[in-house]
Amino acid sequence: MALRALYNEIRAMKVREVPAYLKPRLTWGNVKKSTDQAVDRYIEKYIETGSADPIFHVCFGGMAFSYLVNLPWERAHLEHLEKHGGGH
């Protein structure tokens, strides 16, 4: 929701106005505060309620992360197979 509001505010601006608008919002203090608030909301919503969802978040997040980490090697492997007409 916050990203949608940010997008709607930026959409109405001219391109040269956007950096001046974003610069004060992207300070280390604001980013840290926003991250802390997001973690607090996550803890309230999932951890304190005893939900099993955090386990699924870790599993699916780990799966997506491992896929993204392995993707460059897989692409190189497929390119190599196509170049050399390989197949097993």
N, C-alpha and C. Protein backbone atom coordinates (compact mmCIF):
# COMPACT_ATOMS: atom_id res chain seq x y z
N MET A 1 0.81 -1.19 0.00
CA MET A 1 0.00 0.00 0.00
C MET A 1 0.86 1.26 0.00
N ALA A 2 1.95 1.24 0.73
CA ALA A 2 2.80 2.43 0.79
C ALA A 2 3.44 2.69 -0.57
N LEU A 3 3.81 1.63 -1.28
CA LEU A 3 4.40 1.82 -2.61
C LEU A 3 3.40 2.38 -3.59
N ARG A 4 2.15 1.97 -3.47
CA ARG A 4 1.12 2.50 -4.35
C ARG A 4 0.92 3.99 -4.10
N ALA A 5 0.91 4.39 -2.84
CA ALA A 5 0.77 5.82 -2.52
C ALA A 5 1.97 6.61 -3.04
N LEU A 6 3.18 6.06 -2.86
CA LEU A 6 4.37 6.71 -3.37
C LEU A 6 4.31 6.85 -4.90
N TYR A 7 3.89 5.78 -5.56
CA TYR A 7 3.78 5.82 -7.02
C TYR A 7 2.77 6.88 -7.47
N ASN A 8 1.64 6.95 -6.79
CA ASN A 8 0.63 7.94 -7.15
C ASN A 8 1.13 9.37 -6.95
N GLU A 9 1.93 9.60 -5.91
CA GLU A 9 2.49 10.93 -5.69
C GLU A 9 3.51 11.27 -6.77
N ILE A 10 4.36 10.32 -7.11
CA ILE A 10 5.41 10.56 -8.11
C ILE A 10 4.81 10.71 -9.50
N ARG A 11 3.75 9.98 -9.78
CA ARG A 11 3.14 9.99 -11.11
C ARG A 11 2.67 11.40 -11.49
N ALA A 12 2.25 12.17 -10.52
CA ALA A 12 1.74 13.51 -10.79
C ALA A 12 2.86 14.55 -10.97
N MET A 13 4.11 14.16 -10.69
CA MET A 13 5.23 15.11 -10.75
C MET A 13 5.88 15.10 -12.12
N LYS A 14 6.67 16.14 -12.35
CA LYS A 14 7.53 16.18 -13.52
C LYS A 14 8.80 15.41 -13.18
N VAL A 15 9.48 14.92 -14.20
CA VAL A 15 10.66 14.08 -13.98
C VAL A 15 11.74 14.79 -13.17
N ARG A 16 11.97 16.05 -13.44
CA ARG A 16 13.04 16.76 -12.72
C ARG A 16 12.68 17.03 -11.26
N GLU A 17 11.42 16.90 -10.88
CA GLU A 17 11.02 17.10 -9.48
C GLU A 17 11.19 15.84 -8.63
N VAL A 18 11.26 14.68 -9.27
CA VAL A 18 11.29 13.42 -8.54
C VAL A 18 12.53 13.27 -7.65
N PRO A 19 13.76 13.52 -8.12
CA PRO A 19 14.91 13.36 -7.22
C PRO A 19 14.84 14.21 -5.96
N ALA A 20 14.38 15.44 -6.10
CA ALA A 20 14.27 16.31 -4.93
C ALA A 20 13.20 15.79 -3.96
N TYR A 21 12.20 15.12 -4.49
CA TYR A 21 11.15 14.55 -3.65
C TYR A 21 11.64 13.29 -2.94
N LEU A 22 12.40 12.45 -3.65
CA LEU A 22 12.83 11.17 -3.08
C LEU A 22 14.03 11.29 -2.14
N LYS A 23 14.92 12.22 -2.40
CA LYS A 23 16.16 12.30 -1.63
C LYS A 23 15.94 12.40 -0.12
N PRO A 24 15.05 13.25 0.38
CA PRO A 24 14.87 13.28 1.84
C PRO A 24 14.20 12.02 2.40
N ARG A 25 13.49 11.29 1.56
CA ARG A 25 12.80 10.08 2.01
C ARG A 25 13.70 8.86 2.02
N LEU A 26 14.82 8.92 1.30
CA LEU A 26 15.73 7.79 1.22
C LEU A 26 16.97 7.95 2.09
N THR A 27 16.82 8.62 3.20
CA THR A 27 17.92 8.72 4.15
C THR A 27 18.01 7.42 4.94
N TRP A 28 19.18 7.19 5.51
CA TRP A 28 19.39 5.96 6.27
C TRP A 28 18.41 5.87 7.44
N GLY A 29 18.14 6.96 8.10
CA GLY A 29 17.22 6.95 9.23
C GLY A 29 15.80 6.58 8.82
N ASN A 30 15.33 7.13 7.71
CA ASN A 30 13.98 6.81 7.25
C ASN A 30 13.87 5.36 6.79
N VAL A 31 14.89 4.87 6.10
CA VAL A 31 14.87 3.47 5.66
C VAL A 31 14.88 2.53 6.86
N LYS A 32 15.72 2.84 7.86
CA LYS A 32 15.78 2.01 9.06
C LYS A 32 14.45 2.03 9.81
N LYS A 33 13.85 3.21 9.93
CA LYS A 33 12.57 3.33 10.62
C LYS A 33 11.48 2.53 9.89
N SER A 34 11.43 2.61 8.58
CA SER A 34 10.44 1.88 7.80
C SER A 34 10.64 0.37 7.93
N THR A 35 11.90 -0.05 7.91
CA THR A 35 12.20 -1.48 8.05
C THR A 35 11.79 -1.97 9.43
N ASP A 36 12.09 -1.21 10.45
CA ASP A 36 11.70 -1.59 11.81
C ASP A 36 10.19 -1.70 11.95
N GLN A 37 9.46 -0.76 11.36
CA GLN A 37 8.00 -0.81 11.41
C GLN A 37 7.47 -2.04 10.68
N ALA A 38 8.06 -2.37 9.53
CA ALA A 38 7.61 -3.53 8.76
C ALA A 38 7.86 -4.82 9.55
N VAL A 39 9.01 -4.92 10.21
CA VAL A 39 9.31 -6.10 11.02
C VAL A 39 8.35 -6.20 12.20
N ASP A 40 8.07 -5.07 12.84
CA ASP A 40 7.12 -5.08 13.95
C ASP A 40 5.73 -5.53 13.51
N ARG A 41 5.28 -5.06 12.34
CA ARG A 41 3.97 -5.48 11.83
C ARG A 41 3.96 -6.97 11.50
N TYR A 42 5.07 -7.48 10.94
CA TYR A 42 5.16 -8.91 10.62
C TYR A 42 5.10 -9.73 11.91
N ILE A 43 5.82 -9.30 12.92
CA ILE A 43 5.82 -10.04 14.19
C ILE A 43 4.42 -10.05 14.79
N GLU A 44 3.74 -8.91 14.77
CA GLU A 44 2.37 -8.85 15.30
C GLU A 44 1.43 -9.76 14.52
N LYS A 45 1.56 -9.77 13.22
CA LYS A 45 0.61 -10.49 12.37
C LYS A 45 0.85 -12.00 12.38
N TYR A 46 2.11 -12.45 12.40
CA TYR A 46 2.38 -13.87 12.23
C TYR A 46 2.98 -14.53 13.46
N ILE A 47 3.96 -13.92 14.09
CA ILE A 47 4.68 -14.57 15.18
C ILE A 47 3.84 -14.62 16.45
N GLU A 48 3.27 -13.48 16.83
CA GLU A 48 2.51 -13.42 18.08
C GLU A 48 1.20 -14.18 18.02
N THR A 49 0.69 -14.44 16.82
CA THR A 49 -0.57 -15.17 16.69
C THR A 49 -0.37 -16.67 16.66
N GLY A 50 0.88 -17.13 16.58
CA GLY A 50 1.17 -18.56 16.55
C GLY A 50 0.88 -19.18 15.20
N SER A 51 0.90 -18.39 14.15
CA SER A 51 0.61 -18.86 12.81
C SER A 51 1.76 -19.71 12.27
N ALA A 52 1.44 -20.64 11.38
CA ALA A 52 2.46 -21.46 10.72
C ALA A 52 3.00 -20.78 9.47
N ASP A 53 2.46 -19.65 9.10
CA ASP A 53 2.86 -18.97 7.87
C ASP A 53 4.36 -18.62 7.82
N PRO A 54 5.01 -18.23 8.92
CA PRO A 54 6.45 -17.93 8.82
C PRO A 54 7.27 -19.12 8.30
N ILE A 55 6.86 -20.33 8.63
CA ILE A 55 7.57 -21.51 8.12
C ILE A 55 7.45 -21.56 6.61
N PHE A 56 6.24 -21.32 6.09
CA PHE A 56 6.04 -21.32 4.65
C PHE A 56 6.80 -20.17 4.00
N HIS A 57 6.85 -19.02 4.64
CA HIS A 57 7.59 -17.89 4.10
C HIS A 57 9.07 -18.23 3.97
N VAL A 58 9.63 -18.88 4.97
CA VAL A 58 11.04 -19.27 4.93
C VAL A 58 11.26 -20.30 3.84
N CYS A 59 10.38 -21.29 3.74
CA CYS A 59 10.55 -22.34 2.72
C CYS A 59 10.46 -21.77 1.31
N PHE A 60 9.41 -21.02 1.02
CA PHE A 60 9.25 -20.47 -0.32
C PHE A 60 10.28 -19.39 -0.62
N GLY A 61 10.63 -18.59 0.38
CA GLY A 61 11.68 -17.59 0.19
C GLY A 61 13.02 -18.24 -0.09
N GLY A 62 13.35 -19.30 0.63
CA GLY A 62 14.59 -20.03 0.38
C GLY A 62 14.61 -20.66 -1.00
N MET A 63 13.46 -21.19 -1.41
CA MET A 63 13.37 -21.79 -2.74
C MET A 63 13.58 -20.72 -3.82
N ALA A 64 12.92 -19.57 -3.69
CA ALA A 64 13.07 -18.50 -4.67
C ALA A 64 14.51 -17.97 -4.67
N PHE A 65 15.10 -17.82 -3.50
CA PHE A 65 16.48 -17.33 -3.41
C PHE A 65 17.45 -18.30 -4.07
N SER A 66 17.30 -19.59 -3.80
CA SER A 66 18.21 -20.57 -4.41
C SER A 66 18.03 -20.62 -5.92
N TYR A 67 16.81 -20.45 -6.41
CA TYR A 67 16.57 -20.41 -7.84
C TYR A 67 17.28 -19.22 -8.46
N LEU A 68 17.14 -18.04 -7.85
CA LEU A 68 17.77 -16.84 -8.40
C LEU A 68 19.30 -16.91 -8.33
N VAL A 69 19.85 -17.52 -7.31
CA VAL A 69 21.29 -17.66 -7.19
C VAL A 69 21.82 -18.62 -8.25
N ASN A 70 21.08 -19.69 -8.53
CA ASN A 70 21.51 -20.72 -9.46
C ASN A 70 21.21 -20.36 -10.92
N LEU A 71 20.38 -19.37 -11.17
CA LEU A 71 19.94 -19.03 -12.52
C LEU A 71 21.09 -18.70 -13.48
N PRO A 72 22.10 -17.92 -13.10
CA PRO A 72 23.18 -17.65 -14.08
C PRO A 72 23.91 -18.92 -14.53
N TRP A 73 24.14 -19.88 -13.63
CA TRP A 73 24.80 -21.12 -14.02
C TRP A 73 23.92 -21.97 -14.93
N GLU A 74 22.65 -21.99 -14.64
CA GLU A 74 21.73 -22.76 -15.50
C GLU A 74 21.68 -22.16 -16.90
N ARG A 75 21.62 -20.84 -16.99
CA ARG A 75 21.59 -20.19 -18.31
C ARG A 75 22.88 -20.47 -19.07
N ALA A 76 24.02 -20.41 -18.39
CA ALA A 76 25.30 -20.70 -19.05
C ALA A 76 25.34 -22.15 -19.51
N HIS A 77 24.82 -23.05 -18.70
CA HIS A 77 24.79 -24.47 -19.06
C HIS A 77 23.92 -24.68 -20.31
N LEU A 78 22.75 -24.09 -20.35
CA LEU A 78 21.87 -24.23 -21.51
C LEU A 78 22.49 -23.61 -22.76
N GLU A 79 23.15 -22.47 -22.60
CA GLU A 79 23.83 -21.83 -23.74
C GLU A 79 24.94 -22.74 -24.27
N HIS A 80 25.67 -23.35 -23.38
CA HIS A 80 26.74 -24.27 -23.78
C HIS A 80 26.17 -25.48 -24.54
N LEU A 81 25.06 -26.02 -24.05
CA LEU A 81 24.43 -27.15 -24.74
C LEU A 81 23.95 -26.75 -26.13
N GLU A 82 23.39 -25.57 -26.25
CA GLU A 82 22.90 -25.12 -27.56
C GLU A 82 24.08 -24.87 -28.52
N LYS A 83 25.15 -24.32 -27.99
CA LYS A 83 26.30 -23.99 -28.84
C LYS A 83 26.98 -25.25 -29.36
N HIS A 84 27.10 -26.25 -28.53
CA HIS A 84 27.83 -27.46 -28.90
C HIS A 84 26.91 -28.61 -29.30
N GLY A 85 25.63 -28.33 -29.47
CA GLY A 85 24.70 -29.36 -29.91
C GLY A 85 24.63 -30.54 -28.97
N GLY A 86 24.78 -30.25 -27.71
CA GLY A 86 24.86 -31.33 -26.73
C GLY A 86 23.52 -31.86 -26.32
N GLY A 87 23.53 -32.97 -25.85
CA GLY A 87 22.40 -33.66 -25.26
C GLY A 87 22.97 -34.93 -24.69
N HIS A 88 22.31 -35.49 -23.79
CA HIS A 88 22.88 -36.71 -23.18
C HIS A 88 22.42 -37.92 -23.86
